[in-house]
Amino acid sequence: MPLPQPCSAAQCGSGLWPRRHWHQHRRILAAGMPLPRAEIMSAKRIVLYSTANCPHCKRAKAFLKREGIAFREMDVSRNPRARKALERLGARGVPTLMIGDARLDGFDEKRFWRLYHG
């Protein structure tokens, strides 16, 4: 079965490979094809502030891994720098996700996609 080609920016709107096209791109990445440079440059940086025992944090982390979205996890219960960074953001609990410059308190897939593609 031939692999599909990556979506163009016109097909995907923002060119960030939204969920409706992700199944094609997952197969491309699994075959070892490189990401187009525009896709790498346009991806937003994701930081997940979490704790080890938080069930909502585990759900957010599993979602990010399942969708193939690169992220950095900061455990605020073990890392004083992560705790201070979370305090500077004004967040009061976990999970807190920074999606580029936008903050998502708690976790909701629809809100995540809105901020990620917005």
PDB file of N, CA and C in Angstrom:
ATOM      1  N   MET A   1       0.847  -1.181   0.000  1.00  0.00           N
ATOM      2  CA  MET A   1       0.000   0.000   0.000  1.00  0.00           C
ATOM      3  C   MET A   1       0.889   1.240   0.000  1.00  0.00           C
ATOM      4  N   PRO A   2       0.730   2.151  -0.966  1.00  0.00           N
ATOM      5  CA  PRO A   2       1.575   3.342  -0.999  1.00  0.00           C
ATOM      6  C   PRO A   2       1.237   4.291   0.137  1.00  0.00           C
ATOM      7  N   LEU A   3       2.246   4.973   0.621  1.00  0.00           N
ATOM      8  CA  LEU A   3       2.038   5.944   1.691  1.00  0.00           C
ATOM      9  C   LEU A   3       1.449   7.228   1.131  1.00  0.00           C
ATOM     10  N   PRO A   4       0.536   7.847   1.856  1.00  0.00           N
ATOM     11  CA  PRO A   4       0.018   9.137   1.413  1.00  0.00           C
ATOM     12  C   PRO A   4       1.073  10.219   1.575  1.00  0.00           C
ATOM     13  N   GLN A   5       0.947  11.251   0.812  1.00  0.00           N
ATOM     14  CA  GLN A   5       1.858  12.389   0.920  1.00  0.00           C
ATOM     15  C   GLN A   5       1.372  13.302   2.041  1.00  0.00           C
ATOM     16  N   PRO A   6       2.278  14.041   2.696  1.00  0.00           N
ATOM     17  CA  PRO A   6       1.851  14.978   3.735  1.00  0.00           C
ATOM     18  C   PRO A   6       0.875  16.000   3.166  1.00  0.00           C
ATOM     19  N   CYS A   7      -0.028  16.431   4.005  1.00  0.00           N
ATOM     20  CA  CYS A   7      -1.017  17.425   3.586  1.00  0.00           C
ATOM     21  C   CYS A   7      -0.342  18.759   3.320  1.00  0.00           C
ATOM     22  N   SER A   8      -0.874  19.476   2.372  1.00  0.00           N
ATOM     23  CA  SER A   8      -0.386  20.833   2.147  1.00  0.00           C
ATOM     24  C   SER A   8      -1.073  21.748   3.142  1.00  0.00           C
ATOM     25  N   ALA A   9      -0.590  22.966   3.269  1.00  0.00           N
ATOM     26  CA  ALA A   9      -1.207  23.922   4.174  1.00  0.00           C
ATOM     27  C   ALA A   9      -2.657  24.181   3.774  1.00  0.00           C
ATOM     28  N   ALA A  10      -2.957  24.126   2.482  1.00  0.00           N
ATOM     29  CA  ALA A  10      -4.329  24.358   2.030  1.00  0.00           C
ATOM     30  C   ALA A  10      -5.248  23.239   2.491  1.00  0.00           C
ATOM     31  N   GLN A  11      -4.746  21.997   2.506  1.00  0.00           N
ATOM     32  CA  GLN A  11      -5.570  20.877   2.936  1.00  0.00           C
ATOM     33  C   GLN A  11      -5.830  20.918   4.438  1.00  0.00           C
ATOM     34  N   CYS A  12      -4.835  21.306   5.190  1.00  0.00           N
ATOM     35  CA  CYS A  12      -4.937  21.257   6.646  1.00  0.00           C
ATOM     36  C   CYS A  12      -5.286  22.601   7.265  1.00  0.00           C
ATOM     37  N   GLY A  13      -5.531  23.600   6.495  1.00  0.00           N
ATOM     38  CA  GLY A  13      -5.842  24.902   7.071  1.00  0.00           C
ATOM     39  C   GLY A  13      -4.582  25.575   7.557  1.00  0.00           C
ATOM     40  N   SER A  14      -4.138  25.220   8.749  1.00  0.00           N
ATOM     41  CA  SER A  14      -2.957  25.855   9.316  1.00  0.00           C
ATOM     42  C   SER A  14      -1.677  25.131   8.922  1.00  0.00           C
ATOM     43  N   GLY A  15      -1.796  23.950   8.337  1.00  0.00           N
ATOM     44  CA  GLY A  15      -0.612  23.175   8.002  1.00  0.00           C
ATOM     45  C   GLY A  15      -0.031  22.437   9.186  1.00  0.00           C
ATOM     46  N   LEU A  16      -0.759  22.375  10.310  1.00  0.00           N
ATOM     47  CA  LEU A  16      -0.255  21.711  11.512  1.00  0.00           C
ATOM     48  C   LEU A  16      -0.728  20.268  11.637  1.00  0.00           C
ATOM     49  N   TRP A  17      -1.229  19.704  10.556  1.00  0.00           N
ATOM     50  CA  TRP A  17      -1.712  18.332  10.559  1.00  0.00           C
ATOM     51  C   TRP A  17      -2.775  18.126  11.624  1.00  0.00           C
ATOM     52  N   PRO A  18      -3.955  18.665  11.432  1.00  0.00           N
ATOM     53  CA  PRO A  18      -4.993  18.481  12.436  1.00  0.00           C
ATOM     54  C   PRO A  18      -5.412  17.018  12.539  1.00  0.00           C
ATOM     55  N   ARG A  19      -6.182  16.741  13.519  1.00  0.00           N
ATOM     56  CA  ARG A  19      -6.539  15.374  13.853  1.00  0.00           C
ATOM     57  C   ARG A  19      -7.138  14.608  12.669  1.00  0.00           C
ATOM     58  N   ARG A  20      -7.917  15.262  11.831  1.00  0.00           N
ATOM     59  CA  ARG A  20      -8.585  14.547  10.746  1.00  0.00           C
ATOM     60  C   ARG A  20      -7.598  13.976   9.744  1.00  0.00           C
ATOM     61  N   HIS A  21      -6.383  14.504   9.696  1.00  0.00           N
ATOM     62  CA  HIS A  21      -5.372  13.993   8.782  1.00  0.00           C
ATOM     63  C   HIS A  21      -4.269  13.225   9.505  1.00  0.00           C
ATOM     64  N   TRP A  22      -4.324  13.180  10.811  1.00  0.00           N
ATOM     65  CA  TRP A  22      -3.205  12.631  11.567  1.00  0.00           C
ATOM     66  C   TRP A  22      -2.967  11.166  11.254  1.00  0.00           C
ATOM     67  N   HIS A  23      -4.016  10.392  10.951  1.00  0.00           N
ATOM     68  CA  HIS A  23      -3.819   8.978  10.656  1.00  0.00           C
ATOM     69  C   HIS A  23      -2.883   8.786   9.464  1.00  0.00           C
ATOM     70  N   GLN A  24      -2.956   9.662   8.476  1.00  0.00           N
ATOM     71  CA  GLN A  24      -2.053   9.580   7.330  1.00  0.00           C
ATOM     72  C   GLN A  24      -0.627   9.906   7.748  1.00  0.00           C
ATOM     73  N   HIS A  25      -0.475  10.929   8.546  1.00  0.00           N
ATOM     74  CA  HIS A  25       0.858  11.376   8.932  1.00  0.00           C
ATOM     75  C   HIS A  25       1.528  10.407   9.888  1.00  0.00           C
ATOM     76  N   ARG A  26       0.743   9.733  10.699  1.00  0.00           N
ATOM     77  CA  ARG A  26       1.310   8.737  11.607  1.00  0.00           C
ATOM     78  C   ARG A  26       1.963   7.628  10.782  1.00  0.00           C
ATOM     79  N   ARG A  27       1.315   7.216   9.687  1.00  0.00           N
ATOM     80  CA  ARG A  27       1.889   6.192   8.813  1.00  0.00           C
ATOM     81  C   ARG A  27       3.156   6.702   8.129  1.00  0.00           C
ATOM     82  N   ILE A  28       3.173   7.963   7.752  1.00  0.00           N
ATOM     83  CA  ILE A  28       4.358   8.553   7.115  1.00  0.00           C
ATOM     84  C   ILE A  28       5.527   8.551   8.092  1.00  0.00           C
ATOM     85  N   LEU A  29       5.262   8.991   9.333  1.00  0.00           N
ATOM     86  CA  LEU A  29       6.319   9.041  10.339  1.00  0.00           C
ATOM     87  C   LEU A  29       6.806   7.632  10.684  1.00  0.00           C
ATOM     88  N   ALA A  30       5.882   6.660  10.742  1.00  0.00           N
ATOM     89  CA  ALA A  30       6.264   5.286  11.056  1.00  0.00           C
ATOM     90  C   ALA A  30       7.162   4.704   9.974  1.00  0.00           C
ATOM     91  N   ALA A  31       7.010   5.165   8.747  1.00  0.00           N
ATOM     92  CA  ALA A  31       7.836   4.670   7.646  1.00  0.00           C
ATOM     93  C   ALA A  31       9.204   5.347   7.618  1.00  0.00           C
ATOM     94  N   GLY A  32       9.424   6.286   8.529  1.00  0.00           N
ATOM     95  CA  GLY A  32      10.723   6.941   8.616  1.00  0.00           C
ATOM     96  C   GLY A  32      10.908   8.103   7.669  1.00  0.00           C
ATOM     97  N   MET A  33       9.821   8.587   7.077  1.00  0.00           N
ATOM     98  CA  MET A  33       9.939   9.750   6.189  1.00  0.00           C
ATOM     99  C   MET A  33      10.115  10.999   7.041  1.00  0.00           C
ATOM    100  N   PRO A  34      10.932  11.939   6.620  1.00  0.00           N
ATOM    101  CA  PRO A  34      11.155  13.144   7.416  1.00  0.00           C
ATOM    102  C   PRO A  34       9.936  14.066   7.375  1.00  0.00           C
ATOM    103  N   LEU A  35       9.773  14.824   8.448  1.00  0.00           N
ATOM    104  CA  LEU A  35       8.728  15.840   8.485  1.00  0.00           C
ATOM    105  C   LEU A  35       9.100  16.998   7.564  1.00  0.00           C
ATOM    106  N   PRO A  36       8.134  17.569   6.869  1.00  0.00           N
ATOM    107  CA  PRO A  36       8.442  18.771   6.094  1.00  0.00           C
ATOM    108  C   PRO A  36       8.901  19.889   7.041  1.00  0.00           C
ATOM    109  N   ARG A  37       9.859  20.670   6.621  1.00  0.00           N
ATOM    110  CA  ARG A  37      10.420  21.724   7.472  1.00  0.00           C
ATOM    111  C   ARG A  37       9.350  22.686   7.985  1.00  0.00           C
ATOM    112  N   ALA A  38       8.376  23.012   7.145  1.00  0.00           N
ATOM    113  CA  ALA A  38       7.314  23.933   7.562  1.00  0.00           C
ATOM    114  C   ALA A  38       6.527  23.362   8.734  1.00  0.00           C
ATOM    115  N   GLU A  39       6.330  22.049   8.777  1.00  0.00           N
ATOM    116  CA  GLU A  39       5.584  21.424   9.864  1.00  0.00           C
ATOM    117  C   GLU A  39       6.376  21.507  11.170  1.00  0.00           C
ATOM    118  N   ILE A  40       7.681  21.316  11.079  1.00  0.00           N
ATOM    119  CA  ILE A  40       8.516  21.376  12.276  1.00  0.00           C
ATOM    120  C   ILE A  40       8.541  22.797  12.826  1.00  0.00           C
ATOM    121  N   MET A  41       8.689  23.779  11.959  1.00  0.00           N
ATOM    122  CA  MET A  41       8.812  25.167  12.391  1.00  0.00           C
ATOM    123  C   MET A  41       7.498  25.728  12.939  1.00  0.00           C
ATOM    124  N   SER A  42       6.350  25.214  12.486  1.00  0.00           N
ATOM    125  CA  SER A  42       5.079  25.795  12.892  1.00  0.00           C
ATOM    126  C   SER A  42       4.479  25.126  14.132  1.00  0.00           C
ATOM    127  N   ALA A  43       5.060  24.030  14.618  1.00  0.00           N
ATOM    128  CA  ALA A  43       4.515  23.345  15.785  1.00  0.00           C
ATOM    129  C   ALA A  43       4.695  24.211  17.030  1.00  0.00           C
ATOM    130  N   LYS A  44       3.669  24.201  17.884  1.00  0.00           N
ATOM    131  CA  LYS A  44       3.737  24.976  19.118  1.00  0.00           C
ATOM    132  C   LYS A  44       4.434  24.160  20.203  1.00  0.00           C
ATOM    133  N   ARG A  45       5.136  24.861  21.064  1.00  0.00           N
ATOM    134  CA  ARG A  45       5.811  24.207  22.179  1.00  0.00           C
ATOM    135  C   ARG A  45       4.785  23.895  23.259  1.00  0.00           C
ATOM    136  N   ILE A  46       4.794  22.669  23.740  1.00  0.00           N
ATOM    137  CA  ILE A  46       3.841  22.214  24.752  1.00  0.00           C
ATOM    138  C   ILE A  46       4.610  21.872  26.023  1.00  0.00           C
ATOM    139  N   VAL A  47       4.165  22.433  27.149  1.00  0.00           N
ATOM    140  CA  VAL A  47       4.727  22.092  28.458  1.00  0.00           C
ATOM    141  C   VAL A  47       3.570  21.649  29.337  1.00  0.00           C
ATOM    142  N   LEU A  48       3.712  20.460  29.933  1.00  0.00           N
ATOM    143  CA  LEU A  48       2.699  19.908  30.832  1.00  0.00           C
ATOM    144  C   LEU A  48       3.233  19.965  32.260  1.00  0.00           C
ATOM    145  N   TYR A  49       2.579  20.745  33.108  1.00  0.00           N
ATOM    146  CA  TYR A  49       2.909  20.790  34.533  1.00  0.00           C
ATOM    147  C   TYR A  49       2.018  19.758  35.211  1.00  0.00           C
ATOM    148  N   SER A  50       2.637  18.824  35.931  1.00  0.00           N
ATOM    149  CA  SER A  50       1.878  17.706  36.478  1.00  0.00           C
ATOM    150  C   SER A  50       2.473  17.236  37.800  1.00  0.00           C
ATOM    151  N   THR A  51       1.805  16.244  38.397  1.00  0.00           N
ATOM    152  CA  THR A  51       2.343  15.496  39.534  1.00  0.00           C
ATOM    153  C   THR A  51       2.196  14.013  39.201  1.00  0.00           C
ATOM    154  N   ALA A  52       2.944  13.185  39.901  1.00  0.00           N
ATOM    155  CA  ALA A  52       2.955  11.755  39.594  1.00  0.00           C
ATOM    156  C   ALA A  52       1.625  11.065  39.891  1.00  0.00           C
ATOM    157  N   ASN A  53       0.894  11.524  40.904  1.00  0.00           N
ATOM    158  CA  ASN A  53      -0.317  10.824  41.329  1.00  0.00           C
ATOM    159  C   ASN A  53      -1.612  11.417  40.789  1.00  0.00           C
ATOM    160  N   CYS A  54      -1.532  12.403  39.921  1.00  0.00           N
ATOM    161  CA  CYS A  54      -2.721  13.100  39.423  1.00  0.00           C
ATOM    162  C   CYS A  54      -3.344  12.331  38.250  1.00  0.00           C
ATOM    163  N   PRO A  55      -4.590  11.849  38.398  1.00  0.00           N
ATOM    164  CA  PRO A  55      -5.206  11.088  37.301  1.00  0.00           C
ATOM    165  C   PRO A  55      -5.475  11.940  36.060  1.00  0.00           C
ATOM    166  N   HIS A  56      -5.806  13.209  36.241  1.00  0.00           N
ATOM    167  CA  HIS A  56      -6.047  14.088  35.094  1.00  0.00           C
ATOM    168  C   HIS A  56      -4.737  14.363  34.349  1.00  0.00           C
ATOM    169  N   CYS A  57      -3.646  14.434  35.082  1.00  0.00           N
ATOM    170  CA  CYS A  57      -2.323  14.605  34.464  1.00  0.00           C
ATOM    171  C   CYS A  57      -1.976  13.385  33.623  1.00  0.00           C
ATOM    172  N   LYS A  58      -2.256  12.202  34.155  1.00  0.00           N
ATOM    173  CA  LYS A  58      -1.985  10.968  33.421  1.00  0.00           C
ATOM    174  C   LYS A  58      -2.807  10.898  32.144  1.00  0.00           C
ATOM    175  N   ARG A  59      -4.058  11.366  32.216  1.00  0.00           N
ATOM    176  CA  ARG A  59      -4.922  11.373  31.034  1.00  0.00           C
ATOM    177  C   ARG A  59      -4.394  12.345  29.985  1.00  0.00           C
ATOM    178  N   ALA A  60      -3.939  13.527  30.424  1.00  0.00           N
ATOM    179  CA  ALA A  60      -3.379  14.522  29.494  1.00  0.00           C
ATOM    180  C   ALA A  60      -2.109  13.980  28.840  1.00  0.00           C
ATOM    181  N   LYS A  61      -1.266  13.362  29.641  1.00  0.00           N
ATOM    182  CA  LYS A  61      -0.015  12.802  29.124  1.00  0.00           C
ATOM    183  C   LYS A  61      -0.280  11.682  28.116  1.00  0.00           C
ATOM    184  N   ALA A  62      -1.233  10.804  28.434  1.00  0.00           N
ATOM    185  CA  ALA A  62      -1.584   9.712  27.520  1.00  0.00           C
ATOM    186  C   ALA A  62      -2.145  10.263  26.210  1.00  0.00           C
ATOM    187  N   PHE A  63      -2.956  11.316  26.302  1.00  0.00           N
ATOM    188  CA  PHE A  63      -3.522  11.947  25.108  1.00  0.00           C
ATOM    189  C   PHE A  63      -2.415  12.504  24.215  1.00  0.00           C
ATOM    190  N   LEU A  64      -1.479  13.235  24.798  1.00  0.00           N
ATOM    191  CA  LEU A  64      -0.388  13.831  24.020  1.00  0.00           C
ATOM    192  C   LEU A  64       0.459  12.751  23.348  1.00  0.00           C
ATOM    193  N   LYS A  65       0.739  11.685  24.080  1.00  0.00           N
ATOM    194  CA  LYS A  65       1.522  10.586  23.501  1.00  0.00           C
ATOM    195  C   LYS A  65       0.748   9.893  22.385  1.00  0.00           C
ATOM    196  N   ARG A  66      -0.547   9.649  22.619  1.00  0.00           N
ATOM    197  CA  ARG A  66      -1.378   8.976  21.617  1.00  0.00           C
ATOM    198  C   ARG A  66      -1.467   9.789  20.326  1.00  0.00           C
ATOM    199  N   GLU A  67      -1.519  11.106  20.448  1.00  0.00           N
ATOM    200  CA  GLU A  67      -1.624  11.978  19.276  1.00  0.00           C
ATOM    201  C   GLU A  67      -0.266  12.274  18.644  1.00  0.00           C
ATOM    202  N   GLY A  68       0.806  11.812  19.285  1.00  0.00           N
ATOM    203  CA  GLY A  68       2.140  12.024  18.731  1.00  0.00           C
ATOM    204  C   GLY A  68       2.616  13.461  18.853  1.00  0.00           C
ATOM    205  N   ILE A  69       2.142  14.164  19.876  1.00  0.00           N
ATOM    206  CA  ILE A  69       2.507  15.566  20.075  1.00  0.00           C
ATOM    207  C   ILE A  69       3.672  15.628  21.053  1.00  0.00           C
ATOM    208  N   ALA A  70       4.758  16.240  20.618  1.00  0.00           N
ATOM    209  CA  ALA A  70       5.930  16.380  21.485  1.00  0.00           C
ATOM    210  C   ALA A  70       5.612  17.357  22.610  1.00  0.00           C
ATOM    211  N   PHE A  71       6.033  17.020  23.823  1.00  0.00           N
ATOM    212  CA  PHE A  71       5.794  17.902  24.965  1.00  0.00           C
ATOM    213  C   PHE A  71       6.888  17.702  25.997  1.00  0.00           C
ATOM    214  N   ARG A  72       6.989  18.669  26.872  1.00  0.00           N
ATOM    215  CA  ARG A  72       7.922  18.591  27.994  1.00  0.00           C
ATOM    216  C   ARG A  72       7.095  18.485  29.261  1.00  0.00           C
ATOM    217  N   GLU A  73       7.387  17.507  30.089  1.00  0.00           N
ATOM    218  CA  GLU A  73       6.657  17.336  31.341  1.00  0.00           C
ATOM    219  C   GLU A  73       7.471  17.902  32.490  1.00  0.00           C
ATOM    220  N   MET A  74       6.805  18.701  33.315  1.00  0.00           N
ATOM    221  CA  MET A  74       7.438  19.295  34.489  1.00  0.00           C
ATOM    222  C   MET A  74       6.675  18.805  35.725  1.00  0.00           C
ATOM    223  N   ASP A  75       7.310  17.967  36.538  1.00  0.00           N
ATOM    224  CA  ASP A  75       6.671  17.426  37.746  1.00  0.00           C
ATOM    225  C   ASP A  75       6.857  18.427  38.883  1.00  0.00           C
ATOM    226  N   VAL A  76       5.780  19.098  39.261  1.00  0.00           N
ATOM    227  CA  VAL A  76       5.870  20.147  40.277  1.00  0.00           C
ATOM    228  C   VAL A  76       6.030  19.588  41.683  1.00  0.00           C
ATOM    229  N   SER A  77       5.755  18.286  41.886  1.00  0.00           N
ATOM    230  CA  SER A  77       5.922  17.705  43.215  1.00  0.00           C
ATOM    231  C   SER A  77       7.377  17.337  43.497  1.00  0.00           C
ATOM    232  N   ARG A  78       8.169  17.186  42.445  1.00  0.00           N
ATOM    233  CA  ARG A  78       9.570  16.774  42.617  1.00  0.00           C
ATOM    234  C   ARG A  78      10.579  17.826  42.189  1.00  0.00           C
ATOM    235  N   ASN A  79      10.146  18.799  41.422  1.00  0.00           N
ATOM    236  CA  ASN A  79      11.071  19.768  40.857  1.00  0.00           C
ATOM    237  C   ASN A  79      10.723  21.180  41.335  1.00  0.00           C
ATOM    238  N   PRO A  80      11.554  21.767  42.215  1.00  0.00           N
ATOM    239  CA  PRO A  80      11.259  23.107  42.729  1.00  0.00           C
ATOM    240  C   PRO A  80      11.199  24.168  41.624  1.00  0.00           C
ATOM    241  N   ARG A  81      12.012  24.024  40.590  1.00  0.00           N
ATOM    242  CA  ARG A  81      11.961  24.982  39.474  1.00  0.00           C
ATOM    243  C   ARG A  81      10.620  24.917  38.750  1.00  0.00           C
ATOM    244  N   ALA A  82      10.118  23.713  38.574  1.00  0.00           N
ATOM    245  CA  ALA A  82       8.813  23.547  37.924  1.00  0.00           C
ATOM    246  C   ALA A  82       7.713  24.166  38.779  1.00  0.00           C
ATOM    247  N   ARG A  83       7.796  23.982  40.100  1.00  0.00           N
ATOM    248  CA  ARG A  83       6.803  24.560  41.016  1.00  0.00           C
ATOM    249  C   ARG A  83       6.814  26.084  40.931  1.00  0.00           C
ATOM    250  N   LYS A  84       8.014  26.673  40.909  1.00  0.00           N
ATOM    251  CA  LYS A  84       8.118  28.136  40.818  1.00  0.00           C
ATOM    252  C   LYS A  84       7.608  28.644  39.474  1.00  0.00           C
ATOM    253  N   ALA A  85       7.899  27.906  38.404  1.00  0.00           N
ATOM    254  CA  ALA A  85       7.422  28.305  37.081  1.00  0.00           C
ATOM    255  C   ALA A  85       5.898  28.279  37.044  1.00  0.00           C
ATOM    256  N   LEU A  86       5.297  27.276  37.661  1.00  0.00           N
ATOM    257  CA  LEU A  86       3.842  27.173  37.708  1.00  0.00           C
ATOM    258  C   LEU A  86       3.247  28.332  38.512  1.00  0.00           C
ATOM    259  N   GLU A  87       3.893  28.682  39.612  1.00  0.00           N
ATOM    260  CA  GLU A  87       3.435  29.825  40.425  1.00  0.00           C
ATOM    261  C   GLU A  87       3.520  31.121  39.633  1.00  0.00           C
ATOM    262  N   ARG A  88       4.604  31.303  38.876  1.00  0.00           N
ATOM    263  CA  ARG A  88       4.757  32.526  38.058  1.00  0.00           C
ATOM    264  C   ARG A  88       3.662  32.633  37.003  1.00  0.00           C
ATOM    265  N   LEU A  89       3.182  31.500  36.529  1.00  0.00           N
ATOM    266  CA  LEU A  89       2.104  31.502  35.537  1.00  0.00           C
ATOM    267  C   LEU A  89       0.768  31.895  36.159  1.00  0.00           C
ATOM    268  N   GLY A  90       0.668  31.802  37.482  1.00  0.00           N
ATOM    269  CA  GLY A  90      -0.577  32.124  38.155  1.00  0.00           C
ATOM    270  C   GLY A  90      -1.539  30.945  38.212  1.00  0.00           C
ATOM    271  N   ALA A  91      -1.073  29.769  37.850  1.00  0.00           N
ATOM    272  CA  ALA A  91      -1.917  28.579  37.894  1.00  0.00           C
ATOM    273  C   ALA A  91      -1.971  28.069  39.331  1.00  0.00           C
ATOM    274  N   ARG A  92      -3.112  27.488  39.687  1.00  0.00           N
ATOM    275  CA  ARG A  92      -3.275  27.023  41.061  1.00  0.00           C
ATOM    276  C   ARG A  92      -3.305  25.513  41.205  1.00  0.00           C
ATOM    277  N   GLY A  93      -3.259  24.786  40.103  1.00  0.00           N
ATOM    278  CA  GLY A  93      -3.316  23.335  40.190  1.00  0.00           C
ATOM    279  C   GLY A  93      -2.763  22.674  38.951  1.00  0.00           C
ATOM    280  N   VAL A  94      -2.817  21.352  38.965  1.00  0.00           N
ATOM    281  CA  VAL A  94      -2.362  20.561  37.831  1.00  0.00           C
ATOM    282  C   VAL A  94      -3.524  19.692  37.362  1.00  0.00           C
ATOM    283  N   PRO A  95      -3.549  19.288  36.129  1.00  0.00           N
ATOM    284  CA  PRO A  95      -2.583  19.604  35.088  1.00  0.00           C
ATOM    285  C   PRO A  95      -2.766  21.023  34.560  1.00  0.00           C
ATOM    286  N   THR A  96      -1.668  21.636  34.229  1.00  0.00           N
ATOM    287  CA  THR A  96      -1.661  22.911  33.524  1.00  0.00           C
ATOM    288  C   THR A  96      -0.792  22.716  32.298  1.00  0.00           C
ATOM    289  N   LEU A  97      -1.332  23.083  31.152  1.00  0.00           N
ATOM    290  CA  LEU A  97      -0.584  22.965  29.901  1.00  0.00           C
ATOM    291  C   LEU A  97      -0.326  24.344  29.348  1.00  0.00           C
ATOM    292  N   MET A  98       0.900  24.563  28.928  1.00  0.00           N
ATOM    293  CA  MET A  98       1.240  25.757  28.167  1.00  0.00           C
ATOM    294  C   MET A  98       1.338  25.319  26.718  1.00  0.00           C
ATOM    295  N   ILE A  99       0.496  25.913  25.890  1.00  0.00           N
ATOM    296  CA  ILE A  99       0.439  25.594  24.462  1.00  0.00           C
ATOM    297  C   ILE A  99       0.888  26.850  23.746  1.00  0.00           C
ATOM    298  N   GLY A 100       2.170  26.913  23.421  1.00  0.00           N
ATOM    299  CA  GLY A 100       2.723  28.177  22.936  1.00  0.00           C
ATOM    300  C   GLY A 100       2.679  29.167  24.092  1.00  0.00           C
ATOM    301  N   ASP A 101       1.994  30.288  23.908  1.00  0.00           N
ATOM    302  CA  ASP A 101       1.848  31.291  24.970  1.00  0.00           C
ATOM    303  C   ASP A 101       0.520  31.183  25.699  1.00  0.00           C
ATOM    304  N   ALA A 102      -0.335  30.257  25.298  1.00  0.00           N
ATOM    305  CA  ALA A 102      -1.661  30.098  25.906  1.00  0.00           C
ATOM    306  C   ALA A 102      -1.606  29.072  27.029  1.00  0.00           C
ATOM    307  N   ARG A 103      -2.390  29.323  28.070  1.00  0.00           N
ATOM    308  CA  ARG A 103      -2.433  28.418  29.221  1.00  0.00           C
ATOM    309  C   ARG A 103      -3.765  27.685  29.244  1.00  0.00           C
ATOM    310  N   LEU A 104      -3.698  26.384  29.517  1.00  0.00           N
ATOM    311  CA  LEU A 104      -4.891  25.562  29.667  1.00  0.00           C
ATOM    312  C   LEU A 104      -4.857  24.970  31.066  1.00  0.00           C
ATOM    313  N   ASP A 105      -5.783  25.410  31.928  1.00  0.00           N
ATOM    314  CA  ASP A 105      -5.894  24.876  33.289  1.00  0.00           C
ATOM    315  C   ASP A 105      -6.829  23.679  33.253  1.00  0.00           C
ATOM    316  N   GLY A 106      -6.395  22.561  33.825  1.00  0.00           N
ATOM    317  CA  GLY A 106      -7.167  21.336  33.713  1.00  0.00           C
ATOM    318  C   GLY A 106      -6.903  20.734  32.345  1.00  0.00           C
ATOM    319  N   PHE A 107      -7.676  19.715  31.996  1.00  0.00           N
ATOM    320  CA  PHE A 107      -7.465  19.129  30.680  1.00  0.00           C
ATOM    321  C   PHE A 107      -8.789  18.812  30.019  1.00  0.00           C
ATOM    322  N   ASP A 108      -8.922  19.286  28.787  1.00  0.00           N
ATOM    323  CA  ASP A 108     -10.084  19.014  27.955  1.00  0.00           C
ATOM    324  C   ASP A 108      -9.590  18.957  26.513  1.00  0.00           C
ATOM    325  N   GLU A 109      -9.880  17.848  25.818  1.00  0.00           N
ATOM    326  CA  GLU A 109      -9.361  17.665  24.459  1.00  0.00           C
ATOM    327  C   GLU A 109      -9.814  18.763  23.512  1.00  0.00           C
ATOM    328  N   LYS A 110     -11.087  19.131  23.570  1.00  0.00           N
ATOM    329  CA  LYS A 110     -11.594  20.161  22.655  1.00  0.00           C
ATOM    330  C   LYS A 110     -10.910  21.495  22.888  1.00  0.00           C
ATOM    331  N   ARG A 111     -10.739  21.876  24.142  1.00  0.00           N
ATOM    332  CA  ARG A 111     -10.050  23.144  24.444  1.00  0.00           C
ATOM    333  C   ARG A 111      -8.589  23.069  24.018  1.00  0.00           C
ATOM    334  N   PHE A 112      -7.969  21.891  24.213  1.00  0.00           N
ATOM    335  CA  PHE A 112      -6.586  21.731  23.793  1.00  0.00           C
ATOM    336  C   PHE A 112      -6.457  21.978  22.290  1.00  0.00           C
ATOM    337  N   TRP A 113      -7.309  21.294  21.481  1.00  0.00           N
ATOM    338  CA  TRP A 113      -7.216  21.451  20.030  1.00  0.00           C
ATOM    339  C   TRP A 113      -7.477  22.887  19.605  1.00  0.00           C
ATOM    340  N   ARG A 114      -8.405  23.562  20.275  1.00  0.00           N
ATOM    341  CA  ARG A 114      -8.697  24.964  19.943  1.00  0.00           C
ATOM    342  C   ARG A 114      -7.452  25.837  20.163  1.00  0.00           C
ATOM    343  N   LEU A 115      -6.779  25.634  21.282  1.00  0.00           N
ATOM    344  CA  LEU A 115      -5.569  26.426  21.556  1.00  0.00           C
ATOM    345  C   LEU A 115      -4.406  26.005  20.666  1.00  0.00           C
ATOM    346  N   TYR A 116      -4.301  24.719  20.392  1.00  0.00           N
ATOM    347  CA  TYR A 116      -3.183  24.210  19.585  1.00  0.00           C
ATOM    348  C   TYR A 116      -3.272  24.709  18.140  1.00  0.00           C
ATOM    349  N   HIS A 117      -4.471  24.740  17.607  1.00  0.00           N
ATOM    350  CA  HIS A 117      -4.643  25.175  16.209  1.00  0.00           C
ATOM    351  C   HIS A 117      -5.005  26.646  16.086  1.00  0.00           C
ATOM    352  N   GLY A 118      -5.243  27.307  17.202  1.00  0.00           N
ATOM    353  CA  GLY A 118      -5.689  28.703  17.152  1.00  0.00           C
ATOM    354  C   GLY A 118      -4.620  29.716  17.090  1.00  0.00           C
TER     355      GLY A 118
END
